[in-house]
Amino acid sequence: MVPYRMVIADDHPHARQAIMSILEEESQFTVVGQAKNGKEAIELCDEHLPDLLLIDIEMPVLDGLFATKIIKEKYPFIKVIILSVSDNVGDLFTAIQYGAQGYLLKNMDPDDWLQYLHSMVDGSNEATRDLAGKLLYQFRERDTQNAPSISLLTPREKEILLLVSEGLTNKQIAEQLFIAENTVKNHIKNLLEKLGLENRVQLASYAVKYLAR
């Protein structure tokens, strides 16, 4: 069997080595390149056209989420697995929106890692569902405890939040709602404060989770 070719992207050398140690006994995988940031990950994908990319979220130069977006637009056949030490629900949804097929927490058991990677390349739906359940349980536990309530928002704020999740700019939102662009900016500022979020990406992720048309 021809091994699946893999690129690993993580800015910490110890993390890359730990991943290598998990994979070294697996003849089904071969690592063809290692990147220290998202820019290098894109370059390695350009060079090697790997079957699978394992990429960390927090990296210098270009983070893993935006590198994923670029890589999936160029090479939709490359399967991308996001790596993170965080169980941030927003990161999960952003990764999926950008085209990632999977999301692994670095502190999960190595056996679970391998099971998941095999399921990704072999198409084993049962294994994928099993680990997905473990991941979603961890996200759900954190989400249930910390997620701000949608009831905090006014009808207008909910309307703007939904439009943000659809990718509209402040100007486009203002035109659609027949209000001033500065009014939209103020609403978004209030949304960020009420929900304890930092940026539009997190707002969009929150909307995907809690709002429905």
C-alpha atoms as a PDB file:
ATOM      1  CA  MET A   1       0.000   0.000   0.000  1.00  0.00           C
ATOM      2  CA  VAL A   2       1.332   3.436  -0.967  1.00  0.00           C
ATOM      3  CA  PRO A   3       1.579   5.545   2.236  1.00  0.00           C
ATOM      4  CA  TYR A   4      -0.401   8.728   2.603  1.00  0.00           C
ATOM      5  CA  ARG A   5       1.831  11.781   2.299  1.00  0.00           C
ATOM      6  CA  MET A   6       1.502  14.276   5.112  1.00  0.00           C
ATOM      7  CA  VAL A   7       2.657  17.797   6.003  1.00  0.00           C
ATOM      8  CA  ILE A   8       2.871  18.908   9.658  1.00  0.00           C
ATOM      9  CA  ALA A   9       2.627  22.614  10.500  1.00  0.00           C
ATOM     10  CA  ASP A  10       3.328  23.814  14.046  1.00  0.00           C
ATOM     11  CA  ASP A  11       5.551  26.645  15.266  1.00  0.00           C
ATOM     12  CA  HIS A  12       6.835  24.605  18.237  1.00  0.00           C
ATOM     13  CA  PRO A  13       9.571  22.078  17.355  1.00  0.00           C
ATOM     14  CA  HIS A  14       8.693  19.927  20.368  1.00  0.00           C
ATOM     15  CA  ALA A  15       5.095  19.714  19.175  1.00  0.00           C
ATOM     16  CA  ARG A  16       6.231  18.662  15.705  1.00  0.00           C
ATOM     17  CA  GLN A  17       8.489  16.029  17.246  1.00  0.00           C
ATOM     18  CA  ALA A  18       5.648  14.731  19.406  1.00  0.00           C
ATOM     19  CA  ILE A  19       3.466  14.337  16.326  1.00  0.00           C
ATOM     20  CA  MET A  20       6.315  12.571  14.524  1.00  0.00           C
ATOM     21  CA  SER A  21       6.675  10.160  17.439  1.00  0.00           C
ATOM     22  CA  ILE A  22       2.978   9.262  17.176  1.00  0.00           C
ATOM     23  CA  LEU A  23       3.289   8.629  13.450  1.00  0.00           C
ATOM     24  CA  GLU A  24       6.690   6.918  13.282  1.00  0.00           C
ATOM     25  CA  GLU A  25       5.303   3.433  13.865  1.00  0.00           C
ATOM     26  CA  GLU A  26       2.559   3.924  11.284  1.00  0.00           C
ATOM     27  CA  SER A  27       3.622   2.672   7.862  1.00  0.00           C
ATOM     28  CA  GLN A  28       0.433   4.095   6.332  1.00  0.00           C
ATOM     29  CA  PHE A  29       1.701   7.673   6.815  1.00  0.00           C
ATOM     30  CA  THR A  30       4.868   9.390   5.656  1.00  0.00           C
ATOM     31  CA  VAL A  31       5.764  12.987   6.556  1.00  0.00           C
ATOM     32  CA  VAL A  32       7.034  14.852   3.486  1.00  0.00           C
ATOM     33  CA  GLY A  33       7.460  18.262   5.121  1.00  0.00           C
ATOM     34  CA  GLN A  34       7.337  20.279   8.334  1.00  0.00           C
ATOM     35  CA  ALA A  35       6.341  23.960   8.555  1.00  0.00           C
ATOM     36  CA  LYS A  36       6.813  26.544  11.317  1.00  0.00           C
ATOM     37  CA  ASN A  37       3.989  28.836  10.187  1.00  0.00           C
ATOM     38  CA  GLY A  38       1.023  29.069   7.851  1.00  0.00           C
ATOM     39  CA  LYS A  39       3.051  30.615   5.020  1.00  0.00           C
ATOM     40  CA  GLU A  40       5.478  27.693   5.032  1.00  0.00           C
ATOM     41  CA  ALA A  41       2.546  25.264   5.163  1.00  0.00           C
ATOM     42  CA  ILE A  42       1.146  26.767   1.967  1.00  0.00           C
ATOM     43  CA  GLU A  43       4.570  26.558   0.289  1.00  0.00           C
ATOM     44  CA  LEU A  44       4.982  22.907   1.283  1.00  0.00           C
ATOM     45  CA  CYS A  45       1.521  22.088  -0.052  1.00  0.00           C
ATOM     46  CA  ASP A  46       2.465  23.831  -3.309  1.00  0.00           C
ATOM     47  CA  GLU A  47       5.620  21.734  -3.500  1.00  0.00           C
ATOM     48  CA  HIS A  48       4.434  18.300  -2.347  1.00  0.00           C
ATOM     49  CA  LEU A  49       0.642  18.254  -2.877  1.00  0.00           C
ATOM     50  CA  PRO A  50       0.211  16.052   0.206  1.00  0.00           C
ATOM     51  CA  ASP A  51      -2.802  13.891   0.954  1.00  0.00           C
ATOM     52  CA  LEU A  52      -3.148  15.235   4.481  1.00  0.00           C
ATOM     53  CA  LEU A  53      -2.177  18.413   6.343  1.00  0.00           C
ATOM     54  CA  LEU A  54      -2.006  18.630  10.143  1.00  0.00           C
ATOM     55  CA  ILE A  55      -1.902  22.320  11.031  1.00  0.00           C
ATOM     56  CA  ASP A  56      -1.834  24.216  14.314  1.00  0.00           C
ATOM     57  CA  ILE A  57      -4.110  27.223  14.810  1.00  0.00           C
ATOM     58  CA  GLU A  58      -1.801  29.639  16.638  1.00  0.00           C
ATOM     59  CA  MET A  59       1.278  30.314  14.483  1.00  0.00           C
ATOM     60  CA  PRO A  60       3.281  33.405  13.487  1.00  0.00           C
ATOM     61  CA  VAL A  61       3.298  35.038  10.025  1.00  0.00           C
ATOM     62  CA  LEU A  62       0.004  33.374   9.062  1.00  0.00           C
ATOM     63  CA  ASP A  63      -2.216  31.402  11.430  1.00  0.00           C
ATOM     64  CA  GLY A  64      -3.543  27.931  10.756  1.00  0.00           C
ATOM     65  CA  LEU A  65      -7.138  28.956  10.105  1.00  0.00           C
ATOM     66  CA  PHE A  66      -6.353  31.395   7.304  1.00  0.00           C
ATOM     67  CA  ALA A  67      -3.678  29.091   5.883  1.00  0.00           C
ATOM     68  CA  THR A  68      -6.360  26.396   5.763  1.00  0.00           C
ATOM     69  CA  LYS A  69      -8.704  28.712   3.875  1.00  0.00           C
ATOM     70  CA  ILE A  70      -6.030  29.460   1.256  1.00  0.00           C
ATOM     71  CA  ILE A  71      -4.927  25.837   0.900  1.00  0.00           C
ATOM     72  CA  LYS A  72      -8.468  24.498   0.548  1.00  0.00           C
ATOM     73  CA  GLU A  73      -9.259  27.087  -2.115  1.00  0.00           C
ATOM     74  CA  LYS A  74      -6.167  26.045  -4.088  1.00  0.00           C
ATOM     75  CA  TYR A  75      -6.192  22.313  -3.362  1.00  0.00           C
ATOM     76  CA  PRO A  76      -9.619  21.078  -2.253  1.00  0.00           C
ATOM     77  CA  PHE A  77      -8.387  17.462  -2.411  1.00  0.00           C
ATOM     78  CA  ILE A  78      -5.935  17.980   0.492  1.00  0.00           C
ATOM     79  CA  LYS A  79      -7.544  16.815   3.717  1.00  0.00           C
ATOM     80  CA  VAL A  80      -6.880  19.315   6.506  1.00  0.00           C
ATOM     81  CA  ILE A  81      -6.897  18.497  10.208  1.00  0.00           C
ATOM     82  CA  ILE A  82      -6.691  21.466  12.577  1.00  0.00           C
ATOM     83  CA  LEU A  83      -4.569  21.003  15.705  1.00  0.00           C
ATOM     84  CA  SER A  84      -5.137  23.008  18.875  1.00  0.00           C
ATOM     85  CA  VAL A  85      -4.656  23.040  22.623  1.00  0.00           C
ATOM     86  CA  SER A  86      -7.877  25.061  22.859  1.00  0.00           C
ATOM     87  CA  ASP A  87     -11.437  23.752  22.963  1.00  0.00           C
ATOM     88  CA  ASN A  88     -12.794  27.052  21.628  1.00  0.00           C
ATOM     89  CA  VAL A  89     -16.146  26.461  19.911  1.00  0.00           C
ATOM     90  CA  GLY A  90     -15.567  29.430  17.619  1.00  0.00           C
ATOM     91  CA  ASP A  91     -12.333  27.908  16.337  1.00  0.00           C
ATOM     92  CA  LEU A  92     -14.123  24.657  15.522  1.00  0.00           C
ATOM     93  CA  PHE A  93     -16.802  26.332  13.451  1.00  0.00           C
ATOM     94  CA  THR A  94     -14.338  28.672  11.736  1.00  0.00           C
ATOM     95  CA  ALA A  95     -12.150  25.695  10.797  1.00  0.00           C
ATOM     96  CA  ILE A  96     -15.147  23.912   9.275  1.00  0.00           C
ATOM     97  CA  GLN A  97     -16.225  27.066   7.438  1.00  0.00           C
ATOM     98  CA  TYR A  98     -12.737  27.347   5.932  1.00  0.00           C
ATOM     99  CA  GLY A  99     -12.880  23.780   4.647  1.00  0.00           C
ATOM    100  CA  ALA A 100     -11.095  21.694   7.288  1.00  0.00           C
ATOM    101  CA  GLN A 101     -12.249  18.088   7.505  1.00  0.00           C
ATOM    102  CA  GLY A 102     -11.231  17.543  11.110  1.00  0.00           C
ATOM    103  CA  TYR A 103     -10.139  19.094  14.392  1.00  0.00           C
ATOM    104  CA  LEU A 104      -7.868  17.386  16.934  1.00  0.00           C
ATOM    105  CA  LEU A 105      -7.020  18.548  20.443  1.00  0.00           C
ATOM    106  CA  LYS A 106      -3.340  18.116  21.223  1.00  0.00           C
ATOM    107  CA  ASN A 107      -4.002  16.677  24.664  1.00  0.00           C
ATOM    108  CA  MET A 108      -6.063  13.775  23.345  1.00  0.00           C
ATOM    109  CA  ASP A 109      -4.787  10.217  23.653  1.00  0.00           C
ATOM    110  CA  PRO A 110      -2.363   9.196  20.835  1.00  0.00           C
ATOM    111  CA  ASP A 111      -4.504   6.139  20.109  1.00  0.00           C
ATOM    112  CA  ASP A 112      -7.459   8.428  19.463  1.00  0.00           C
ATOM    113  CA  TRP A 113      -5.269  10.505  17.165  1.00  0.00           C
ATOM    114  CA  LEU A 114      -4.284   7.490  15.110  1.00  0.00           C
ATOM    115  CA  GLN A 115      -7.820   6.146  15.017  1.00  0.00           C
ATOM    116  CA  TYR A 116      -9.038   9.476  13.709  1.00  0.00           C
ATOM    117  CA  LEU A 117      -6.299   9.848  11.096  1.00  0.00           C
ATOM    118  CA  HIS A 118      -6.967   6.337   9.816  1.00  0.00           C
ATOM    119  CA  SER A 119     -10.672   7.078   9.618  1.00  0.00           C
ATOM    120  CA  MET A 120      -9.959  10.233   7.619  1.00  0.00           C
ATOM    121  CA  VAL A 121      -7.885   8.497   4.956  1.00  0.00           C
ATOM    122  CA  ASP A 122      -9.738   5.169   4.918  1.00  0.00           C
ATOM    123  CA  GLY A 123     -13.255   6.579   5.002  1.00  0.00           C
ATOM    124  CA  SER A 124     -14.207   4.694   8.162  1.00  0.00           C
ATOM    125  CA  ASN A 125     -17.357   6.525   9.169  1.00  0.00           C
ATOM    126  CA  GLU A 126     -17.742   4.535  12.364  1.00  0.00           C
ATOM    127  CA  ALA A 127     -14.324   5.586  13.671  1.00  0.00           C
ATOM    128  CA  THR A 128     -14.921   9.172  12.612  1.00  0.00           C
ATOM    129  CA  ARG A 129     -18.247   9.314  14.450  1.00  0.00           C
ATOM    130  CA  ASP A 130     -16.700   7.778  17.555  1.00  0.00           C
ATOM    131  CA  LEU A 131     -13.988  10.399  17.886  1.00  0.00           C
ATOM    132  CA  ALA A 132     -16.268  13.194  16.734  1.00  0.00           C
ATOM    133  CA  GLY A 133     -18.463  12.332  19.698  1.00  0.00           C
ATOM    134  CA  LYS A 134     -15.514  12.681  22.067  1.00  0.00           C
ATOM    135  CA  LEU A 135     -14.538  16.023  20.550  1.00  0.00           C
ATOM    136  CA  LEU A 136     -18.043  17.450  20.497  1.00  0.00           C
ATOM    137  CA  TYR A 137     -18.589  16.371  24.115  1.00  0.00           C
ATOM    138  CA  GLN A 138     -15.581  18.460  25.166  1.00  0.00           C
ATOM    139  CA  PHE A 139     -16.770  21.449  23.122  1.00  0.00           C
ATOM    140  CA  ARG A 140     -20.312  21.112  24.439  1.00  0.00           C
ATOM    141  CA  GLU A 141     -19.169  21.011  28.063  1.00  0.00           C
ATOM    142  CA  ARG A 142     -17.244  24.241  27.693  1.00  0.00           C
ATOM    143  CA  ASP A 143     -19.909  25.837  25.526  1.00  0.00           C
ATOM    144  CA  THR A 144     -22.748  25.098  27.949  1.00  0.00           C
ATOM    145  CA  GLN A 145     -20.877  26.668  30.835  1.00  0.00           C
ATOM    146  CA  ASN A 146     -19.532  29.786  29.130  1.00  0.00           C
ATOM    147  CA  ALA A 147     -21.671  30.726  26.137  1.00  0.00           C
ATOM    148  CA  PRO A 148     -23.415  34.104  26.536  1.00  0.00           C
ATOM    149  CA  SER A 149     -27.175  33.910  26.146  1.00  0.00           C
ATOM    150  CA  ILE A 150     -28.781  34.971  22.876  1.00  0.00           C
ATOM    151  CA  SER A 151     -31.503  36.554  25.016  1.00  0.00           C
ATOM    152  CA  LEU A 152     -29.085  39.386  25.813  1.00  0.00           C
ATOM    153  CA  LEU A 153     -29.466  40.703  22.276  1.00  0.00           C
ATOM    154  CA  THR A 154     -32.072  43.072  20.889  1.00  0.00           C
ATOM    155  CA  PRO A 155     -33.991  42.119  17.710  1.00  0.00           C
ATOM    156  CA  ARG A 156     -31.852  44.577  15.717  1.00  0.00           C
ATOM    157  CA  GLU A 157     -28.632  43.116  17.123  1.00  0.00           C
ATOM    158  CA  LYS A 158     -29.776  39.613  16.176  1.00  0.00           C
ATOM    159  CA  GLU A 159     -30.536  40.866  12.678  1.00  0.00           C
ATOM    160  CA  ILE A 160     -27.067  42.373  12.318  1.00  0.00           C
ATOM    161  CA  LEU A 161     -25.422  39.306  13.815  1.00  0.00           C
ATOM    162  CA  LEU A 162     -27.074  37.118  11.182  1.00  0.00           C
ATOM    163  CA  LEU A 163     -25.885  39.402   8.380  1.00  0.00           C
ATOM    164  CA  VAL A 164     -22.335  39.335   9.775  1.00  0.00           C
ATOM    165  CA  SER A 165     -22.453  35.528   9.667  1.00  0.00           C
ATOM    166  CA  GLU A 166     -23.408  35.734   5.981  1.00  0.00           C
ATOM    167  CA  GLY A 167     -20.193  37.643   5.265  1.00  0.00           C
ATOM    168  CA  LEU A 168     -21.652  41.104   4.659  1.00  0.00           C
ATOM    169  CA  THR A 169     -19.500  44.183   5.271  1.00  0.00           C
ATOM    170  CA  ASN A 170     -20.623  47.075   7.466  1.00  0.00           C
ATOM    171  CA  LYS A 171     -21.502  49.064   4.343  1.00  0.00           C
ATOM    172  CA  GLN A 172     -23.566  46.203   2.891  1.00  0.00           C
ATOM    173  CA  ILE A 173     -25.389  45.716   6.194  1.00  0.00           C
ATOM    174  CA  ALA A 174     -26.146  49.435   6.371  1.00  0.00           C
ATOM    175  CA  GLU A 175     -27.544  49.423   2.835  1.00  0.00           C
ATOM    176  CA  GLN A 176     -29.678  46.346   3.461  1.00  0.00           C
ATOM    177  CA  LEU A 177     -31.135  47.690   6.715  1.00  0.00           C
ATOM    178  CA  PHE A 178     -31.370  51.326   5.536  1.00  0.00           C
ATOM    179  CA  ILE A 179     -29.270  52.642   8.437  1.00  0.00           C
ATOM    180  CA  ALA A 180     -25.998  54.546   8.687  1.00  0.00           C
ATOM    181  CA  GLU A 181     -22.714  52.639   8.478  1.00  0.00           C
ATOM    182  CA  ASN A 182     -21.617  54.169  11.799  1.00  0.00           C
ATOM    183  CA  THR A 183     -24.797  52.774  13.364  1.00  0.00           C
ATOM    184  CA  VAL A 184     -23.783  49.313  12.166  1.00  0.00           C
ATOM    185  CA  LYS A 185     -20.316  49.808  13.661  1.00  0.00           C
ATOM    186  CA  ASN A 186     -21.847  50.757  17.007  1.00  0.00           C
ATOM    187  CA  HIS A 187     -24.129  47.715  16.970  1.00  0.00           C
ATOM    188  CA  ILE A 188     -21.184  45.414  16.244  1.00  0.00           C
ATOM    189  CA  LYS A 189     -19.190  47.009  19.044  1.00  0.00           C
ATOM    190  CA  ASN A 190     -22.104  46.376  21.417  1.00  0.00           C
ATOM    191  CA  LEU A 191     -22.428  42.790  20.169  1.00  0.00           C
ATOM    192  CA  LEU A 192     -18.766  42.098  20.877  1.00  0.00           C
ATOM    193  CA  GLU A 193     -19.077  43.549  24.387  1.00  0.00           C
ATOM    194  CA  LYS A 194     -22.317  41.731  25.246  1.00  0.00           C
ATOM    195  CA  LEU A 195     -21.103  38.357  23.972  1.00  0.00           C
ATOM    196  CA  GLY A 196     -17.537  38.683  25.250  1.00  0.00           C
ATOM    197  CA  LEU A 197     -16.100  38.138  21.765  1.00  0.00           C
ATOM    198  CA  GLU A 198     -13.118  39.741  20.063  1.00  0.00           C
ATOM    199  CA  ASN A 199     -13.767  39.944  16.312  1.00  0.00           C
ATOM    200  CA  ARG A 200     -16.155  39.359  13.397  1.00  0.00           C
ATOM    201  CA  VAL A 201     -14.963  35.786  12.884  1.00  0.00           C
ATOM    202  CA  GLN A 202     -16.046  34.902  16.402  1.00  0.00           C
ATOM    203  CA  LEU A 203     -19.339  36.731  15.869  1.00  0.00           C
ATOM    204  CA  ALA A 204     -19.974  34.672  12.737  1.00  0.00           C
ATOM    205  CA  SER A 205     -19.140  31.453  14.570  1.00  0.00           C
ATOM    206  CA  TYR A 206     -21.508  32.384  17.397  1.00  0.00           C
ATOM    207  CA  ALA A 207     -24.274  33.095  14.889  1.00  0.00           C
ATOM    208  CA  VAL A 208     -23.796  29.719  13.196  1.00  0.00           C
ATOM    209  CA  LYS A 209     -24.163  28.056  16.569  1.00  0.00           C
ATOM    210  CA  TYR A 210     -27.066  29.999  18.066  1.00  0.00           C
ATOM    211  CA  LEU A 211     -29.025  31.728  15.321  1.00  0.00           C
ATOM    212  CA  ALA A 212     -31.273  30.209  12.692  1.00  0.00           C
ATOM    213  CA  ARG A 213     -33.382  31.820  10.027  1.00  0.00           C
END
